[in-house]
C-alpha atoms as a PDB file:
ATOM      1  CA  MET A   1     130.512 -18.865-101.598  1.00  0.00           C
ATOM      2  CA  SER A   2     127.525 -19.697-103.775  1.00  0.00           C
ATOM      3  CA  THR A   3     127.626 -20.681-107.434  1.00  0.00           C
ATOM      4  CA  ASP A   4     125.060 -17.983-108.218  1.00  0.00           C
ATOM      5  CA  TYR A   5     127.410 -15.368-106.746  1.00  0.00           C
ATOM      6  CA  LEU A   6     130.336 -16.648-108.794  1.00  0.00           C
ATOM      7  CA  LEU A   7     128.206 -16.585-111.954  1.00  0.00           C
ATOM      8  CA  GLY A   8     126.997 -13.039-111.249  1.00  0.00           C
ATOM      9  CA  ARG A   9     123.358 -14.033-110.669  1.00  0.00           C
ATOM     10  CA  THR A  10     123.273 -12.482-107.181  1.00  0.00           C
ATOM     11  CA  ASP A  11     125.143  -9.971-105.078  1.00  0.00           C
ATOM     12  CA  ASN A  12     124.891 -12.244-102.033  1.00  0.00           C
ATOM     13  CA  PRO A  13     127.946 -14.517-101.649  1.00  0.00           C
ATOM     14  CA  ARG A  14     126.220 -16.712 -99.028  1.00  0.00           C
ATOM     15  CA  ILE A  15     124.552 -19.990 -99.910  1.00  0.00           C
ATOM     16  CA  ALA A  16     120.861 -19.800 -99.047  1.00  0.00           C
ATOM     17  CA  THR A  17     119.617 -22.113 -96.315  1.00  0.00           C
ATOM     18  CA  GLU A  18     116.094 -23.135 -95.364  1.00  0.00           C
ATOM     19  CA  ALA A  19     116.289 -20.661 -92.481  1.00  0.00           C
ATOM     20  CA  ASP A  20     116.693 -17.875 -95.060  1.00  0.00           C
ATOM     21  CA  GLN A  21     113.431 -18.790 -96.787  1.00  0.00           C
ATOM     22  CA  GLY A  22     111.076 -17.294 -94.171  1.00  0.00           C
ATOM     23  CA  PRO A  23     107.876 -18.697 -92.712  1.00  0.00           C
ATOM     24  CA  ASP A  24     105.904 -21.303 -94.656  1.00  0.00           C
ATOM     25  CA  ASP A  25     102.654 -21.102 -92.719  1.00  0.00           C
ATOM     26  CA  ILE A  26     100.224 -18.365 -93.752  1.00  0.00           C
ATOM     27  CA  ASP A  27      99.087 -17.929 -90.127  1.00  0.00           C
ATOM     28  CA  GLU A  28     102.692 -17.215 -89.114  1.00  0.00           C
ATOM     29  CA  ILE A  29     103.088 -14.740 -91.963  1.00  0.00           C
ATOM     30  CA  ILE A  30      99.892 -12.907 -90.994  1.00  0.00           C
ATOM     31  CA  ALA A  31     100.814 -12.917 -87.282  1.00  0.00           C
ATOM     32  CA  ASN A  32     104.173 -11.314 -88.079  1.00  0.00           C
ATOM     33  CA  ALA A  33     102.778  -8.761 -90.534  1.00  0.00           C
ATOM     34  CA  MET A  34     103.188  -5.236 -89.208  1.00  0.00           C
ATOM     35  CA  MET A  35     102.069  -3.008 -92.066  1.00  0.00           C
ATOM     36  CA  PHE A  36     100.306  -2.998 -95.408  1.00  0.00           C
ATOM     37  CA  ASP A  37     100.716  -0.145 -97.874  1.00  0.00           C
ATOM     38  CA  GLY A  38     102.529   1.858 -95.186  1.00  0.00           C
ATOM     39  CA  LYS A  39      99.687   1.546 -92.676  1.00  0.00           C
ATOM     40  CA  PRO A  40      99.867  -0.491 -89.450  1.00  0.00           C
ATOM     41  CA  LEU A  41      97.765  -3.667 -89.338  1.00  0.00           C
ATOM     42  CA  THR A  42      95.438  -4.124 -86.371  1.00  0.00           C
ATOM     43  CA  ASP A  43      94.444  -7.505 -84.956  1.00  0.00           C
ATOM     44  CA  ASP A  44      91.073  -7.054 -86.696  1.00  0.00           C
ATOM     45  CA  ASP A  45      92.876  -6.460 -90.001  1.00  0.00           C
ATOM     46  CA  LYS A  46      94.874  -9.655 -89.514  1.00  0.00           C
ATOM     47  CA  ARG A  47      91.714 -11.659 -88.744  1.00  0.00           C
ATOM     48  CA  ALA A  48      90.062 -10.258 -91.883  1.00  0.00           C
ATOM     49  CA  ILE A  49      93.085 -11.128 -94.033  1.00  0.00           C
ATOM     50  CA  ARG A  50      93.119 -14.668 -92.656  1.00  0.00           C
ATOM     51  CA  GLY A  51      89.385 -14.996 -93.376  1.00  0.00           C
ATOM     52  CA  ILE A  52      89.845 -13.802 -96.952  1.00  0.00           C
ATOM     53  CA  ILE A  53      92.654 -16.288 -97.554  1.00  0.00           C
ATOM     54  CA  ALA A  54      90.709 -19.131 -95.911  1.00  0.00           C
ATOM     55  CA  GLY A  55      87.669 -18.350 -98.072  1.00  0.00           C
ATOM     56  CA  TYR A  56      89.764 -18.284-101.213  1.00  0.00           C
ATOM     57  CA  MET A  57      91.457 -21.581-100.391  1.00  0.00           C
ATOM     58  CA  SER A  58      88.174 -23.335 -99.597  1.00  0.00           C
ATOM     59  CA  SER A  59      86.599 -22.085-102.844  1.00  0.00           C
ATOM     60  CA  LYS A  60      89.388 -23.645-104.905  1.00  0.00           C
ATOM     61  CA  GLY A  61      87.979 -27.098-104.243  1.00  0.00           C
ATOM     62  CA  ASP A  62      91.317 -28.883-103.953  1.00  0.00           C
END
């Protein structure tokens, strides 16, 4: 039982693990995306989303 559950911070009594966190890689997130705003995503949509994110990240200059 988690401390957050005992303190009333969550309704989930389980202690979160790294497996509960979800994918870390944006490519994995995009590949697993099924819908956006209630509409199915096509492979072309997913490529466009990846391109937008890649462009944003490269423009940051980090």
